[in-house]
């Protein structure tokens, strides 16, 4: 469904914003959402009636106002799954398309926020697999393995080894249990190689803390 977007001009220049602390959406990854607030129910219904695009963006740290200040960079996603619950909630899945820079927030009559956005700085997002050959896949998998071992967790290694490098990097970024600022750093990484390096560095730091500073650097 997201393959229809070949260039930044294929995406709407003004989109609804969904501020969500700690959430991360990346190109060609899925983000399930449980929508229940009236303003965001209205946002989803409006998106479904138009181009089905919503921008996921994080509030700035410690911004507690009713209308919090937002990060400058988010990611646009298309609603690719939609269902209604008996109690009025909407259960949707957003599939990431392309990151954006917020240019400005115009005055709108809707209960939800909207922004004029620029996708051009992240046009590379629209090409699947860009930068994957430059990723140190072995280092990333080793970081993942050490993290699982340190936390007494397991995974399906056959599945891990079979996915593409882009899927591996972005899925691990989504699943990583890191705070909002670290999630934003993963989002803002300029390319797949940089994102993998940020993810490995964050994992090294987490391991170092969990092991009391005795971990060794992954090579």
C-alpha atoms as a PDB file:
ATOM      1  CA  UNK A   1       0.000   0.000   0.000  1.00  0.00           C
ATOM      2  CA  UNK A   2       2.841   2.423   0.723  1.00  0.00           C
ATOM      3  CA  UNK A   3       4.607   1.668  -2.586  1.00  0.00           C
ATOM      4  CA  UNK A   4       2.358   4.190  -4.324  1.00  0.00           C
ATOM      5  CA  UNK A   5       4.472   6.984  -2.843  1.00  0.00           C
ATOM      6  CA  UNK A   6       7.471   7.341  -5.147  1.00  0.00           C
ATOM      7  CA  UNK A   7       8.496  10.934  -4.435  1.00  0.00           C
ATOM      8  CA  UNK A   8       7.798  13.586  -1.762  1.00  0.00           C
ATOM      9  CA  UNK A   9       5.219  15.308  -3.995  1.00  0.00           C
ATOM     10  CA  UNK A  10       3.082  12.153  -3.843  1.00  0.00           C
ATOM     11  CA  UNK A  11       2.395  12.831  -0.149  1.00  0.00           C
ATOM     12  CA  UNK A  12       0.045  15.521   1.203  1.00  0.00           C
ATOM     13  CA  UNK A  13       1.771  18.732   2.245  1.00  0.00           C
ATOM     14  CA  UNK A  14      -0.487  19.241   5.263  1.00  0.00           C
ATOM     15  CA  UNK A  15      -1.249  16.329   7.580  1.00  0.00           C
ATOM     16  CA  UNK A  16      -2.834  15.557  10.926  1.00  0.00           C
ATOM     17  CA  UNK A  17      -0.387  15.226  13.802  1.00  0.00           C
ATOM     18  CA  UNK A  18      -0.630  12.589  16.508  1.00  0.00           C
ATOM     19  CA  UNK A  19       1.732  13.567  19.365  1.00  0.00           C
ATOM     20  CA  UNK A  20       2.742  10.377  21.117  1.00  0.00           C
ATOM     21  CA  UNK A  21       5.605  10.201  23.607  1.00  0.00           C
ATOM     22  CA  UNK A  22       7.875   7.191  23.244  1.00  0.00           C
ATOM     23  CA  UNK A  23       6.274   6.085  19.981  1.00  0.00           C
ATOM     24  CA  UNK A  24       8.404   5.382  16.944  1.00  0.00           C
ATOM     25  CA  UNK A  25       7.249   4.943  13.365  1.00  0.00           C
ATOM     26  CA  UNK A  26       9.729   4.254  10.586  1.00  0.00           C
ATOM     27  CA  UNK A  27       9.314   3.636   6.850  1.00  0.00           C
ATOM     28  CA  UNK A  28       7.747   0.261   6.039  1.00  0.00           C
ATOM     29  CA  UNK A  29       7.155  -0.635   9.698  1.00  0.00           C
ATOM     30  CA  UNK A  30       3.787  -1.038  11.400  1.00  0.00           C
ATOM     31  CA  UNK A  31       2.523   0.782  14.474  1.00  0.00           C
ATOM     32  CA  UNK A  32      -0.715  -0.565  16.013  1.00  0.00           C
ATOM     33  CA  UNK A  33      -2.744   2.124  17.788  1.00  0.00           C
ATOM     34  CA  UNK A  34      -5.724   2.015  20.130  1.00  0.00           C
ATOM     35  CA  UNK A  35      -7.647   5.268  19.626  1.00  0.00           C
ATOM     36  CA  UNK A  36     -10.160   6.404  22.232  1.00  0.00           C
ATOM     37  CA  UNK A  37      -9.805  10.168  22.843  1.00  0.00           C
ATOM     38  CA  UNK A  38     -12.548  12.123  20.999  1.00  0.00           C
ATOM     39  CA  UNK A  39     -10.103  14.429  19.205  1.00  0.00           C
ATOM     40  CA  UNK A  40      -8.083  11.502  17.902  1.00  0.00           C
ATOM     41  CA  UNK A  41     -11.176   9.551  16.946  1.00  0.00           C
ATOM     42  CA  UNK A  42     -12.045  12.614  14.852  1.00  0.00           C
ATOM     43  CA  UNK A  43      -8.499  12.625  13.461  1.00  0.00           C
ATOM     44  CA  UNK A  44      -8.736   9.020  12.305  1.00  0.00           C
ATOM     45  CA  UNK A  45     -12.172   9.522  10.761  1.00  0.00           C
ATOM     46  CA  UNK A  46     -10.916  12.603   8.897  1.00  0.00           C
ATOM     47  CA  UNK A  47      -7.862  10.699   7.664  1.00  0.00           C
ATOM     48  CA  UNK A  48     -10.009   7.802   6.488  1.00  0.00           C
ATOM     49  CA  UNK A  49     -12.191  10.243   4.549  1.00  0.00           C
ATOM     50  CA  UNK A  50      -9.188  11.724   2.739  1.00  0.00           C
ATOM     51  CA  UNK A  51      -5.704  10.306   2.112  1.00  0.00           C
ATOM     52  CA  UNK A  52      -5.438   8.095   5.207  1.00  0.00           C
ATOM     53  CA  UNK A  53      -2.193   9.806   6.255  1.00  0.00           C
ATOM     54  CA  UNK A  54      -1.313  10.674   9.875  1.00  0.00           C
ATOM     55  CA  UNK A  55       1.969  12.032  11.207  1.00  0.00           C
ATOM     56  CA  UNK A  56       3.408  10.460  14.356  1.00  0.00           C
ATOM     57  CA  UNK A  57       5.513  12.922  16.310  1.00  0.00           C
ATOM     58  CA  UNK A  58       6.840  13.142  19.853  1.00  0.00           C
ATOM     59  CA  UNK A  59       6.190  15.957  22.338  1.00  0.00           C
ATOM     60  CA  UNK A  60       9.334  17.621  23.593  1.00  0.00           C
ATOM     61  CA  UNK A  61      10.589  16.228  26.913  1.00  0.00           C
ATOM     62  CA  UNK A  62       8.904  17.751  29.995  1.00  0.00           C
ATOM     63  CA  UNK A  63       6.315  19.504  27.818  1.00  0.00           C
ATOM     64  CA  UNK A  64       3.155  18.939  29.853  1.00  0.00           C
ATOM     65  CA  UNK A  65       0.845  21.605  28.427  1.00  0.00           C
ATOM     66  CA  UNK A  66      -2.509  20.808  26.842  1.00  0.00           C
ATOM     67  CA  UNK A  67      -0.842  21.737  23.567  1.00  0.00           C
ATOM     68  CA  UNK A  68       2.738  20.570  24.123  1.00  0.00           C
ATOM     69  CA  UNK A  69       5.660  21.724  22.053  1.00  0.00           C
ATOM     70  CA  UNK A  70       6.676  19.085  19.543  1.00  0.00           C
ATOM     71  CA  UNK A  71       9.843  17.701  18.043  1.00  0.00           C
ATOM     72  CA  UNK A  72      10.608  19.046  14.581  1.00  0.00           C
ATOM     73  CA  UNK A  73      10.868  15.626  12.932  1.00  0.00           C
ATOM     74  CA  UNK A  74       8.191  12.938  12.737  1.00  0.00           C
ATOM     75  CA  UNK A  75       7.113  10.170  10.382  1.00  0.00           C
ATOM     76  CA  UNK A  76       4.038   9.997   8.173  1.00  0.00           C
ATOM     77  CA  UNK A  77       2.111   6.753   8.076  1.00  0.00           C
ATOM     78  CA  UNK A  78      -0.827   5.408   6.121  1.00  0.00           C
ATOM     79  CA  UNK A  79      -3.746   3.711   7.845  1.00  0.00           C
ATOM     80  CA  UNK A  80      -3.493   0.161   6.512  1.00  0.00           C
ATOM     81  CA  UNK A  81      -5.783  -1.517   9.035  1.00  0.00           C
ATOM     82  CA  UNK A  82      -8.968  -0.158  10.617  1.00  0.00           C
ATOM     83  CA  UNK A  83     -11.595  -1.690  12.892  1.00  0.00           C
ATOM     84  CA  UNK A  84     -14.131  -0.483  15.446  1.00  0.00           C
ATOM     85  CA  UNK A  85     -14.662  -1.978  18.897  1.00  0.00           C
ATOM     86  CA  UNK A  86     -18.013  -2.334  20.641  1.00  0.00           C
ATOM     87  CA  UNK A  87     -17.063   0.371  23.144  1.00  0.00           C
ATOM     88  CA  UNK A  88     -16.324   2.980  20.475  1.00  0.00           C
ATOM     89  CA  UNK A  89     -12.574   2.647  20.210  1.00  0.00           C
ATOM     90  CA  UNK A  90     -10.810   2.519  16.867  1.00  0.00           C
ATOM     91  CA  UNK A  91      -8.065  -0.041  16.366  1.00  0.00           C
ATOM     92  CA  UNK A  92      -5.792   0.977  13.534  1.00  0.00           C
ATOM     93  CA  UNK A  93      -2.386   0.152  12.136  1.00  0.00           C
ATOM     94  CA  UNK A  94      -0.179   2.841  10.647  1.00  0.00           C
ATOM     95  CA  UNK A  95       2.430   1.748   8.129  1.00  0.00           C
ATOM     96  CA  UNK A  96       5.350   4.167   7.913  1.00  0.00           C
ATOM     97  CA  UNK A  97       5.995   5.942   4.634  1.00  0.00           C
ATOM     98  CA  UNK A  98       8.445   8.834   5.048  1.00  0.00           C
ATOM     99  CA  UNK A  99       9.847  11.092   7.740  1.00  0.00           C
ATOM    100  CA  UNK A 100       9.126  14.808   7.641  1.00  0.00           C
ATOM    101  CA  UNK A 101      10.183  18.157   9.052  1.00  0.00           C
ATOM    102  CA  UNK A 102       7.453  20.332  10.531  1.00  0.00           C
ATOM    103  CA  UNK A 103       7.490  23.700   8.764  1.00  0.00           C
ATOM    104  CA  UNK A 104       4.571  25.288  10.597  1.00  0.00           C
ATOM    105  CA  UNK A 105       1.278  24.578  12.332  1.00  0.00           C
ATOM    106  CA  UNK A 106      -1.556  26.527  10.712  1.00  0.00           C
ATOM    107  CA  UNK A 107      -4.718  27.551  12.511  1.00  0.00           C
ATOM    108  CA  UNK A 108      -7.316  24.842  11.971  1.00  0.00           C
ATOM    109  CA  UNK A 109     -10.917  24.248  13.001  1.00  0.00           C
ATOM    110  CA  UNK A 110     -10.308  20.565  13.763  1.00  0.00           C
ATOM    111  CA  UNK A 111      -9.898  19.348  17.365  1.00  0.00           C
ATOM    112  CA  UNK A 112      -6.618  17.724  16.371  1.00  0.00           C
ATOM    113  CA  UNK A 113      -3.408  19.453  15.348  1.00  0.00           C
ATOM    114  CA  UNK A 114      -2.188  19.704  11.783  1.00  0.00           C
ATOM    115  CA  UNK A 115       1.099  20.763  10.238  1.00  0.00           C
ATOM    116  CA  UNK A 116       2.548  21.816   6.942  1.00  0.00           C
ATOM    117  CA  UNK A 117       5.447  19.428   6.478  1.00  0.00           C
ATOM    118  CA  UNK A 118       8.461  18.883   4.235  1.00  0.00           C
ATOM    119  CA  UNK A 119       9.443  15.359   3.190  1.00  0.00           C
ATOM    120  CA  UNK A 120      12.290  16.340   0.886  1.00  0.00           C
ATOM    121  CA  UNK A 121      15.104  15.986   3.473  1.00  0.00           C
ATOM    122  CA  UNK A 122      14.042  12.334   3.848  1.00  0.00           C
ATOM    123  CA  UNK A 123      13.222  11.421   0.258  1.00  0.00           C
ATOM    124  CA  UNK A 124      15.568   8.430   0.675  1.00  0.00           C
ATOM    125  CA  UNK A 125      12.877   6.870   2.883  1.00  0.00           C
ATOM    126  CA  UNK A 126      10.716   6.273  -0.177  1.00  0.00           C
ATOM    127  CA  UNK A 127      13.209   3.799  -1.669  1.00  0.00           C
ATOM    128  CA  UNK A 128      13.093   0.433   0.058  1.00  0.00           C
ATOM    129  CA  UNK A 129      16.414  -0.920   1.314  1.00  0.00           C
ATOM    130  CA  UNK A 130      18.455   2.223   0.710  1.00  0.00           C
ATOM    131  CA  UNK A 131      21.741   1.991   2.621  1.00  0.00           C
ATOM    132  CA  UNK A 132      21.252  -1.621   3.722  1.00  0.00           C
ATOM    133  CA  UNK A 133      24.547  -2.893   2.227  1.00  0.00           C
ATOM    134  CA  UNK A 134      26.467  -0.438   4.443  1.00  0.00           C
ATOM    135  CA  UNK A 135      24.987  -1.776   7.688  1.00  0.00           C
ATOM    136  CA  UNK A 136      27.192  -3.954   9.869  1.00  0.00           C
ATOM    137  CA  UNK A 137      24.538  -6.639  10.206  1.00  0.00           C
ATOM    138  CA  UNK A 138      26.740  -9.014  12.207  1.00  0.00           C
ATOM    139  CA  UNK A 139      27.476  -6.334  14.807  1.00  0.00           C
ATOM    140  CA  UNK A 140      23.782  -5.497  15.113  1.00  0.00           C
ATOM    141  CA  UNK A 141      22.762  -9.137  15.574  1.00  0.00           C
ATOM    142  CA  UNK A 142      25.521  -9.643  18.149  1.00  0.00           C
ATOM    143  CA  UNK A 143      24.277  -6.603  20.090  1.00  0.00           C
ATOM    144  CA  UNK A 144      20.778  -8.021  19.975  1.00  0.00           C
ATOM    145  CA  UNK A 145      21.995 -11.436  21.150  1.00  0.00           C
ATOM    146  CA  UNK A 146      23.895  -9.976  24.105  1.00  0.00           C
ATOM    147  CA  UNK A 147      20.900  -7.853  25.088  1.00  0.00           C
ATOM    148  CA  UNK A 148      18.602 -10.896  25.054  1.00  0.00           C
ATOM    149  CA  UNK A 149      21.056 -12.934  27.104  1.00  0.00           C
ATOM    150  CA  UNK A 150      21.479 -10.158  29.676  1.00  0.00           C
ATOM    151  CA  UNK A 151      17.710  -9.964  30.101  1.00  0.00           C
ATOM    152  CA  UNK A 152      17.020 -13.726  30.030  1.00  0.00           C
ATOM    153  CA  UNK A 153      15.048 -13.447  26.809  1.00  0.00           C
ATOM    154  CA  UNK A 154      14.906 -15.565  23.669  1.00  0.00           C
ATOM    155  CA  UNK A 155      13.927 -15.057  20.053  1.00  0.00           C
ATOM    156  CA  UNK A 156      13.373 -16.982  16.837  1.00  0.00           C
ATOM    157  CA  UNK A 157      16.854 -16.768  15.314  1.00  0.00           C
ATOM    158  CA  UNK A 158      15.783 -18.397  12.073  1.00  0.00           C
ATOM    159  CA  UNK A 159      13.330 -15.547  11.555  1.00  0.00           C
ATOM    160  CA  UNK A 160      15.880 -12.903  12.586  1.00  0.00           C
ATOM    161  CA  UNK A 161      18.421 -14.226  10.093  1.00  0.00           C
ATOM    162  CA  UNK A 162      15.889 -14.408   7.273  1.00  0.00           C
ATOM    163  CA  UNK A 163      14.579 -10.821   7.308  1.00  0.00           C
ATOM    164  CA  UNK A 164      16.086  -8.059   5.199  1.00  0.00           C
ATOM    165  CA  UNK A 165      18.584  -5.719   6.798  1.00  0.00           C
ATOM    166  CA  UNK A 166      16.164  -2.793   6.561  1.00  0.00           C
ATOM    167  CA  UNK A 167      13.442  -4.745   8.339  1.00  0.00           C
ATOM    168  CA  UNK A 168      15.929  -5.923  10.971  1.00  0.00           C
ATOM    169  CA  UNK A 169      17.241  -2.445  11.778  1.00  0.00           C
ATOM    170  CA  UNK A 170      13.859  -0.733  11.808  1.00  0.00           C
ATOM    171  CA  UNK A 171      12.020  -3.475  13.687  1.00  0.00           C
ATOM    172  CA  UNK A 172      14.676  -3.617  16.403  1.00  0.00           C
ATOM    173  CA  UNK A 173      14.494   0.172  16.639  1.00  0.00           C
ATOM    174  CA  UNK A 174      10.743  -0.003  17.196  1.00  0.00           C
ATOM    175  CA  UNK A 175      11.005  -2.791  19.770  1.00  0.00           C
ATOM    176  CA  UNK A 176      13.946  -1.332  21.694  1.00  0.00           C
ATOM    177  CA  UNK A 177      12.784  -0.362  25.220  1.00  0.00           C
ATOM    178  CA  UNK A 178      14.509   3.000  25.264  1.00  0.00           C
ATOM    179  CA  UNK A 179      13.237   6.394  26.506  1.00  0.00           C
ATOM    180  CA  UNK A 180      11.690   9.021  24.182  1.00  0.00           C
ATOM    181  CA  UNK A 181      14.931  10.931  23.527  1.00  0.00           C
ATOM    182  CA  UNK A 182      16.666   7.759  22.404  1.00  0.00           C
ATOM    183  CA  UNK A 183      13.680   6.862  20.226  1.00  0.00           C
ATOM    184  CA  UNK A 184      13.927  10.309  18.636  1.00  0.00           C
ATOM    185  CA  UNK A 185      17.628   9.767  17.988  1.00  0.00           C
ATOM    186  CA  UNK A 186      16.780   6.548  16.139  1.00  0.00           C
ATOM    187  CA  UNK A 187      14.155   8.396  14.107  1.00  0.00           C
ATOM    188  CA  UNK A 188      16.488  11.251  13.200  1.00  0.00           C
ATOM    189  CA  UNK A 189      19.400   9.041  12.146  1.00  0.00           C
ATOM    190  CA  UNK A 190      20.067  10.184   8.567  1.00  0.00           C
ATOM    191  CA  UNK A 191      20.268   6.718   7.027  1.00  0.00           C
ATOM    192  CA  UNK A 192      19.943   3.032   7.811  1.00  0.00           C
ATOM    193  CA  UNK A 193      23.643   2.624   8.601  1.00  0.00           C
ATOM    194  CA  UNK A 194      23.529   5.497  11.095  1.00  0.00           C
ATOM    195  CA  UNK A 195      20.372   4.107  12.703  1.00  0.00           C
ATOM    196  CA  UNK A 196      22.001   0.717  13.168  1.00  0.00           C
ATOM    197  CA  UNK A 197      25.044   2.380  14.749  1.00  0.00           C
ATOM    198  CA  UNK A 198      22.852   4.405  17.124  1.00  0.00           C
ATOM    199  CA  UNK A 199      20.963   1.251  18.059  1.00  0.00           C
ATOM    200  CA  UNK A 200      24.177  -0.661  18.784  1.00  0.00           C
ATOM    201  CA  UNK A 201      25.514   2.260  20.861  1.00  0.00           C
ATOM    202  CA  UNK A 202      22.305   2.432  22.908  1.00  0.00           C
ATOM    203  CA  UNK A 203      22.401  -1.310  23.447  1.00  0.00           C
ATOM    204  CA  UNK A 204      26.020  -1.153  24.566  1.00  0.00           C
ATOM    205  CA  UNK A 205      25.091   1.559  27.075  1.00  0.00           C
ATOM    206  CA  UNK A 206      22.141  -0.463  28.375  1.00  0.00           C
ATOM    207  CA  UNK A 207      24.351  -3.532  28.764  1.00  0.00           C
ATOM    208  CA  UNK A 208      27.041  -1.536  30.521  1.00  0.00           C
ATOM    209  CA  UNK A 209      24.497  -0.247  33.042  1.00  0.00           C
ATOM    210  CA  UNK A 210      22.968  -3.678  33.610  1.00  0.00           C
ATOM    211  CA  UNK A 211      26.393  -5.273  34.113  1.00  0.00           C
ATOM    212  CA  UNK A 212      27.716  -2.562  36.393  1.00  0.00           C
ATOM    213  CA  UNK A 213      30.072  -1.075  33.840  1.00  0.00           C
ATOM    214  CA  UNK A 214      31.857  -4.330  33.024  1.00  0.00           C
ATOM    215  CA  UNK A 215      30.637  -4.892  29.468  1.00  0.00           C
ATOM    216  CA  UNK A 216      33.012  -4.943  26.538  1.00  0.00           C
ATOM    217  CA  UNK A 217      32.484  -3.005  23.349  1.00  0.00           C
ATOM    218  CA  UNK A 218      30.984  -4.951  20.452  1.00  0.00           C
ATOM    219  CA  UNK A 219      33.183  -5.127  17.364  1.00  0.00           C
END
